Amino acid sequence: MDNVKENEEIVSIGDLAKELGLTTRTLRYWEEVGIIEAAERADGANRGYTPYYVRRIKFIMKLKELGLTIKEMQDLYVAYGEAKQTEKMIPRLIEILDLHINKVDERMAKLASLRKEIVDYRQRMAQKFRFGSP
């Protein structure tokens, strides 16, 4: 964890959770699994989040919204590495997103098939009902 630079704004976990619509438990969990970090003040006071870490958390929120798993986010964090090199992470992110696109396409195809089955079955039932009534 990096120390906070002097005079750098630091947001407490509670304030950040409220601002982003998360729980403090979620932020602590993300720290535990290693996909985000908190900064430690130089004077050893409360840990919190600098603008850099807040941007990272918003990025994690977006990845979660896109359906990435904690494991995939951990892989990205490893690719990002100690050197914090975005260009190493982006190719891995693209691979993961491609896998998710394929999964969504598969789910959409299954849903389209299910919809067709339901429509066909409904039509058969409506037809039987019409012919079966006096």
Protein backbone atom coordinates (compact mmCIF):
# COMPACT_ATOMS: atom_id res chain seq x y z
CA MET A 1 0.00 0.00 0.00
CA ASP A 2 1.24 3.41 -0.88
CA ASN A 3 1.45 6.20 1.62
CA VAL A 4 -0.66 9.22 0.92
CA LYS A 5 1.18 12.23 -0.42
CA GLU A 6 1.07 15.27 1.79
CA ASN A 7 -2.09 17.35 1.29
CA GLU A 8 -3.63 14.67 -0.94
CA GLU A 9 -7.35 14.28 -0.35
CA ILE A 10 -8.29 11.00 1.28
CA VAL A 11 -11.83 9.69 1.53
CA SER A 12 -12.85 7.42 4.40
CA ILE A 13 -14.27 4.00 3.65
CA GLY A 14 -17.67 5.02 5.03
CA ASP A 15 -17.90 8.20 2.97
CA LEU A 16 -16.75 6.43 -0.20
CA ALA A 17 -19.18 3.55 0.29
CA LYS A 18 -22.04 6.02 0.68
CA GLU A 19 -20.93 8.07 -2.34
CA LEU A 20 -20.68 5.00 -4.61
CA GLY A 21 -23.72 3.13 -3.30
CA LEU A 22 -21.61 0.28 -1.93
CA THR A 23 -21.25 -1.14 1.53
CA THR A 24 -18.10 -0.86 3.60
CA ARG A 25 -18.19 -4.65 3.78
CA THR A 26 -17.94 -4.84 -0.04
CA LEU A 27 -14.94 -2.50 -0.08
CA ARG A 28 -13.22 -4.47 2.68
CA TYR A 29 -13.94 -7.73 0.85
CA TRP A 30 -12.45 -6.34 -2.37
CA GLU A 31 -9.36 -5.37 -0.37
CA GLU A 32 -9.16 -8.87 1.17
CA VAL A 33 -9.26 -10.57 -2.23
CA GLY A 34 -6.68 -8.15 -3.60
CA ILE A 35 -8.56 -6.27 -6.30
CA ILE A 36 -8.40 -2.86 -4.61
CA GLU A 37 -6.16 -1.18 -2.10
CA ALA A 38 -6.56 1.52 0.47
CA ALA A 39 -3.91 4.12 1.13
CA GLU A 40 -2.28 4.62 4.48
CA ARG A 41 -1.65 8.16 5.64
CA ALA A 42 1.96 9.08 6.24
CA ASP A 43 1.15 9.90 9.88
CA GLY A 44 -0.38 6.42 10.35
CA ALA A 45 -3.88 7.81 10.78
CA ASN A 46 -6.97 6.24 9.22
CA ARG A 47 -6.61 4.43 5.96
CA GLY A 48 -8.77 5.58 3.14
CA TYR A 49 -8.91 6.18 -0.56
CA THR A 50 -7.07 8.74 -2.65
CA PRO A 51 -8.46 9.89 -6.02
CA TYR A 52 -6.27 7.20 -7.69
CA TYR A 53 -7.83 4.44 -5.59
CA VAL A 54 -11.34 5.87 -6.08
CA ARG A 55 -10.83 5.66 -9.88
CA ARG A 56 -9.71 2.04 -9.50
CA ILE A 57 -12.80 1.23 -7.43
CA LYS A 58 -15.05 2.79 -10.06
CA PHE A 59 -13.24 0.67 -12.68
CA ILE A 60 -13.89 -2.46 -10.57
CA MET A 61 -17.57 -1.46 -10.29
CA LYS A 62 -17.78 -1.19 -14.08
CA LEU A 63 -16.12 -4.59 -14.54
CA LYS A 64 -18.56 -6.09 -12.04
CA GLU A 65 -21.46 -4.50 -13.94
CA LEU A 66 -20.13 -6.14 -17.12
CA GLY A 67 -20.21 -9.51 -15.38
CA LEU A 68 -16.55 -10.11 -14.58
CA THR A 69 -15.89 -12.43 -11.66
CA ILE A 70 -13.65 -11.72 -8.69
CA LYS A 71 -11.17 -14.26 -10.12
CA GLU A 72 -11.07 -12.43 -13.46
CA MET A 73 -10.53 -9.13 -11.67
CA GLN A 74 -7.71 -10.69 -9.66
CA ASP A 75 -6.13 -11.86 -12.93
CA LEU A 76 -6.37 -8.32 -14.29
CA TYR A 77 -4.78 -6.93 -11.15
CA VAL A 78 -1.89 -9.38 -11.56
CA ALA A 79 -1.54 -8.36 -15.22
CA TYR A 80 -1.56 -4.70 -14.13
CA GLY A 81 1.31 -5.62 -11.85
CA GLU A 82 3.48 -3.81 -9.42
CA ALA A 83 4.64 -1.47 -12.16
CA LYS A 84 1.01 -0.40 -12.63
CA GLN A 85 1.26 -0.74 -16.40
CA THR A 86 -2.13 -0.38 -18.04
CA GLU A 87 -0.79 -1.59 -21.40
CA LYS A 88 -0.15 -5.00 -19.83
CA MET A 89 -3.67 -5.20 -18.45
CA ILE A 90 -5.63 -4.10 -21.54
CA PRO A 91 -4.91 -7.20 -23.72
CA ARG A 92 -6.02 -9.46 -20.85
CA LEU A 93 -9.14 -7.34 -20.31
CA ILE A 94 -9.99 -7.64 -24.01
CA GLU A 95 -9.66 -11.45 -23.80
CA ILE A 96 -11.95 -11.57 -20.78
CA LEU A 97 -14.50 -9.26 -22.41
CA ASP A 98 -14.47 -11.45 -25.55
CA LEU A 99 -15.28 -14.49 -23.39
CA HIS A 100 -18.16 -12.59 -21.79
CA ILE A 101 -19.49 -11.48 -25.17
CA ASN A 102 -19.54 -15.14 -26.26
CA LYS A 103 -21.36 -16.15 -23.06
CA VAL A 104 -23.96 -13.41 -23.59
CA ASP A 105 -24.43 -14.50 -27.22
CA GLU A 106 -24.97 -18.10 -26.07
CA ARG A 107 -27.51 -16.99 -23.43
CA MET A 108 -29.33 -14.84 -25.99
CA ALA A 109 -29.55 -17.78 -28.42
CA LYS A 110 -30.93 -20.03 -25.66
CA LEU A 111 -33.47 -17.37 -24.67
CA ALA A 112 -34.54 -16.89 -28.30
CA SER A 113 -35.03 -20.66 -28.59
CA LEU A 114 -37.00 -20.75 -25.33
CA ARG A 115 -39.17 -17.86 -26.52
CA LYS A 116 -39.94 -19.70 -29.74
CA GLU A 117 -40.89 -22.84 -27.79
CA ILE A 118 -43.21 -20.85 -25.54
CA VAL A 119 -44.88 -19.09 -28.49
CA ASP A 120 -45.34 -22.40 -30.33
CA TYR A 121 -46.77 -24.11 -27.24
CA ARG A 122 -49.09 -21.16 -26.58
CA GLN A 123 -50.39 -21.33 -30.15
CA ARG A 124 -51.06 -25.07 -29.84
CA MET A 125 -52.91 -24.54 -26.56
CA ALA A 126 -54.97 -21.67 -27.98
CA GLN A 127 -55.85 -23.78 -31.01
CA LYS A 128 -56.94 -26.74 -28.81
CA PHE A 129 -59.00 -24.44 -26.65
CA ARG A 130 -60.84 -22.96 -29.65
CA PHE A 131 -61.58 -26.37 -31.17
CA GLY A 132 -62.49 -27.93 -27.84
CA SER A 133 -65.11 -25.35 -26.84
CA PRO A 134 -68.77 -25.63 -28.01
